[in-house]
Amino acid sequence: MRVRQELERLGLELDRPELLQVTIEFGPQGQPIPLGEEVQVMDESWTTAHVRLAPITQLWTTAEVSPFLLRTVPQHESFMVLLQSTALIYCTSMGQPETDAEFERIYRKLRRYPDAEDHHPLFSYLQGAARLYLSLRDVSRTEYEALTRRLGNLAERFCSHTGSTNYHRQVLHSVAGT
């Protein structure tokens, strides 16, 4: 609730969280800086704000949804779009796509160890996008795990060989068109 109020006070549009972005920050050497507690958020009108976000495990709600329902009824599609658009923006800013296998690894780690650190800066940006979404919408642990599992399964499904970037080319670019 505090994050929502803070972002609204600063003028960000929050009705469609999938249109928000966690901006990529670069250090003096041009390398992406992994995110910490504070995250810069931008909406589609380019309004930006810095906000302090709690860890993912502190943001889950207690209302549980059956994993079966999550497979049959699209839940929190805007969560999926926000994470995938964050991944696309990260890859675009780096000038190269990540491999399908790396996306699958990162999504799997995000599901299993949501508050962990990772050597790959993309992990912290996806984590930041998840923290932002969970700060704005009620999501249970079961829902979160099902959503991140779907992302990982999607990346795995597009992996055709070592080094393939099909997930980036076919899925992430289609998200940009929505």
Protein backbone atom coordinates (compact mmCIF):
# COMPACT_ATOMS: atom_id res chain seq x y z
CA MET A 1 0.00 0.00 0.00
CA ARG A 2 2.86 2.37 0.86
CA VAL A 3 4.52 1.86 -2.54
CA ARG A 4 1.26 2.48 -4.40
CA GLN A 5 0.64 5.69 -2.49
CA GLU A 6 4.20 6.89 -3.02
CA LEU A 7 4.14 6.23 -6.77
CA GLU A 8 0.72 7.88 -7.15
CA ARG A 9 1.94 10.90 -5.15
CA LEU A 10 4.84 11.21 -7.58
CA GLY A 11 2.45 11.12 -10.54
CA LEU A 12 2.94 7.62 -11.97
CA GLU A 13 0.02 5.86 -13.64
CA LEU A 14 -0.57 2.52 -11.86
CA ASP A 15 -3.77 1.17 -13.43
CA ARG A 16 -1.81 -1.07 -15.79
CA PRO A 17 1.33 -2.35 -14.02
CA GLU A 18 2.49 -4.10 -17.19
CA LEU A 19 3.18 -0.65 -18.68
CA LEU A 20 5.56 0.26 -15.85
CA GLN A 21 9.27 -0.35 -16.19
CA VAL A 22 12.13 -0.90 -13.81
CA THR A 23 14.80 1.20 -15.47
CA ILE A 24 18.22 -0.27 -16.18
CA GLU A 25 20.98 1.59 -14.38
CA PHE A 26 24.58 1.65 -15.59
CA GLY A 27 27.85 2.19 -13.78
CA PRO A 28 30.81 4.27 -14.96
CA GLN A 29 32.16 1.43 -17.11
CA GLY A 30 28.83 1.07 -18.93
CA GLN A 31 27.93 -2.15 -17.15
CA PRO A 32 24.48 -2.65 -15.61
CA ILE A 33 24.35 -2.16 -11.85
CA PRO A 34 22.36 -4.81 -9.97
CA LEU A 35 19.39 -3.37 -8.12
CA GLY A 36 19.18 -2.99 -4.38
CA GLU A 37 16.22 -2.08 -2.19
CA GLU A 38 15.60 1.15 -4.07
CA VAL A 39 14.33 0.89 -7.64
CA GLN A 40 13.72 3.54 -10.28
CA VAL A 41 10.31 3.06 -11.87
CA MET A 42 9.05 4.68 -15.06
CA ASP A 43 5.56 4.75 -16.54
CA GLU A 44 4.56 5.09 -20.19
CA SER A 45 4.56 8.91 -19.96
CA TRP A 46 8.26 8.75 -18.93
CA THR A 47 7.46 9.90 -15.39
CA THR A 48 10.07 8.39 -13.09
CA ALA A 49 10.30 7.82 -9.36
CA HIS A 50 12.60 6.04 -6.96
CA VAL A 51 10.86 3.72 -4.54
CA ARG A 52 12.07 1.35 -1.84
CA LEU A 53 10.67 -2.16 -2.38
CA ALA A 54 10.46 -5.02 0.09
CA PRO A 55 11.84 -8.49 -0.71
CA ILE A 56 9.52 -10.79 -2.65
CA THR A 57 8.91 -13.17 0.27
CA GLN A 58 7.58 -10.26 2.35
CA LEU A 59 5.12 -9.23 -0.39
CA TRP A 60 3.14 -12.45 -0.87
CA THR A 61 -0.46 -12.34 0.30
CA THR A 62 -2.03 -15.18 2.23
CA ALA A 63 -4.95 -15.83 -0.14
CA GLU A 64 -4.04 -19.08 -1.87
CA VAL A 65 -5.23 -20.07 -5.33
CA SER A 66 -5.28 -23.66 -6.51
CA PRO A 67 -2.35 -24.40 -8.86
CA PHE A 68 -4.90 -26.17 -11.09
CA LEU A 69 -6.83 -22.91 -11.54
CA LEU A 70 -3.62 -21.12 -12.47
CA ARG A 71 -3.14 -23.53 -15.39
CA THR A 72 -6.67 -23.13 -16.73
CA VAL A 73 -7.47 -19.45 -16.08
CA PRO A 74 -4.95 -16.74 -16.93
CA GLN A 75 -4.04 -15.04 -13.68
CA HIS A 76 -1.93 -11.93 -13.42
CA GLU A 77 -1.02 -11.79 -17.11
CA SER A 78 0.28 -8.28 -16.44
CA PHE A 79 2.93 -9.88 -14.16
CA MET A 80 4.13 -11.96 -17.08
CA VAL A 81 4.16 -8.96 -19.43
CA LEU A 82 6.02 -6.76 -16.91
CA LEU A 83 8.77 -9.34 -16.39
CA GLN A 84 9.09 -10.15 -20.08
CA SER A 85 9.21 -6.49 -21.11
CA THR A 86 11.84 -5.88 -18.43
CA ALA A 87 13.88 -8.74 -19.92
CA LEU A 88 13.51 -7.29 -23.42
CA ILE A 89 14.56 -3.81 -22.30
CA TYR A 90 17.56 -5.26 -20.48
CA CYS A 91 18.69 -7.25 -23.53
CA THR A 92 18.13 -4.27 -25.82
CA SER A 93 20.14 -1.99 -23.56
CA MET A 94 22.96 -4.56 -23.51
CA GLY A 95 22.88 -4.88 -27.30
CA GLN A 96 22.47 -8.67 -27.28
CA PRO A 97 19.89 -11.26 -26.31
CA GLU A 98 20.41 -13.76 -23.52
CA THR A 99 20.23 -17.43 -24.41
CA ASP A 100 17.10 -19.47 -23.85
CA ALA A 101 18.97 -21.61 -21.32
CA GLU A 102 20.05 -18.52 -19.35
CA PHE A 103 16.49 -17.20 -19.25
CA GLU A 104 15.27 -20.57 -18.03
CA ARG A 105 17.96 -20.65 -15.32
CA ILE A 106 17.14 -17.13 -14.15
CA TYR A 107 13.37 -17.73 -14.05
CA ARG A 108 13.91 -21.01 -12.17
CA LYS A 109 16.10 -19.27 -9.60
CA LEU A 110 13.58 -16.44 -9.31
CA ARG A 111 10.93 -19.06 -8.47
CA ARG A 112 13.01 -21.15 -6.08
CA TYR A 113 15.07 -18.43 -4.40
CA PRO A 114 13.13 -15.19 -4.96
CA ASP A 115 15.20 -13.05 -2.57
CA ALA A 116 18.60 -14.45 -3.57
CA GLU A 117 21.39 -12.67 -5.39
CA ASP A 118 22.77 -13.82 -8.72
CA HIS A 119 25.92 -13.10 -10.72
CA HIS A 120 23.80 -11.98 -13.68
CA PRO A 121 22.42 -8.41 -13.34
CA LEU A 122 19.30 -9.39 -15.32
CA PHE A 123 18.21 -11.45 -12.30
CA SER A 124 18.04 -8.34 -10.11
CA TYR A 125 16.00 -6.44 -12.72
CA LEU A 126 13.49 -9.28 -13.06
CA GLN A 127 13.43 -9.50 -9.28
CA GLY A 128 12.82 -5.73 -9.15
CA ALA A 129 9.95 -6.01 -11.64
CA ALA A 130 8.42 -8.83 -9.57
CA ARG A 131 8.83 -6.78 -6.37
CA LEU A 132 7.16 -3.82 -8.06
CA TYR A 133 4.20 -5.89 -9.25
CA LEU A 134 3.76 -7.59 -5.88
CA SER A 135 3.80 -4.16 -4.23
CA LEU A 136 0.85 -3.12 -6.40
CA ARG A 137 -1.26 -6.30 -6.63
CA ASP A 138 -2.18 -9.13 -4.27
CA VAL A 139 -0.30 -12.28 -5.25
CA SER A 140 0.04 -15.40 -3.13
CA ARG A 141 3.15 -17.53 -2.97
CA THR A 142 1.37 -20.24 -4.97
CA GLU A 143 0.43 -17.76 -7.69
CA TYR A 144 3.95 -16.31 -7.78
CA GLU A 145 5.54 -19.74 -8.11
CA ALA A 146 3.10 -20.75 -10.85
CA LEU A 147 3.76 -17.54 -12.80
CA THR A 148 7.54 -17.82 -12.59
CA ARG A 149 7.30 -21.52 -13.48
CA ARG A 150 5.33 -20.55 -16.61
CA LEU A 151 8.07 -18.10 -17.58
CA GLY A 152 10.79 -20.69 -17.09
CA ASN A 153 8.84 -23.34 -18.99
CA LEU A 154 8.28 -20.94 -21.85
CA ALA A 155 12.01 -20.19 -22.13
CA GLU A 156 12.78 -23.91 -21.95
CA ARG A 157 10.22 -24.71 -24.65
CA PHE A 158 11.88 -22.31 -27.10
CA CYS A 159 15.38 -23.67 -26.50
CA SER A 160 16.36 -25.53 -29.66
CA HIS A 161 20.13 -25.85 -29.15
CA THR A 162 22.99 -24.53 -27.05
CA GLY A 163 23.16 -20.79 -27.53
CA SER A 164 19.69 -20.44 -29.05
CA THR A 165 17.88 -17.11 -28.52
CA ASN A 166 14.44 -18.14 -29.75
CA TYR A 167 12.69 -17.04 -26.54
CA HIS A 168 14.08 -13.53 -26.96
CA ARG A 169 13.30 -13.35 -30.67
CA GLN A 170 9.85 -14.93 -30.67
CA VAL A 171 8.35 -14.30 -27.22
CA LEU A 172 9.91 -11.13 -25.89
CA HIS A 173 9.51 -9.23 -29.15
CA SER A 174 5.85 -10.24 -29.31
CA VAL A 175 5.38 -8.77 -25.80
CA ALA A 176 6.74 -5.46 -27.05
CA GLY A 177 4.01 -5.39 -29.66
CA THR A 178 1.22 -5.69 -27.06
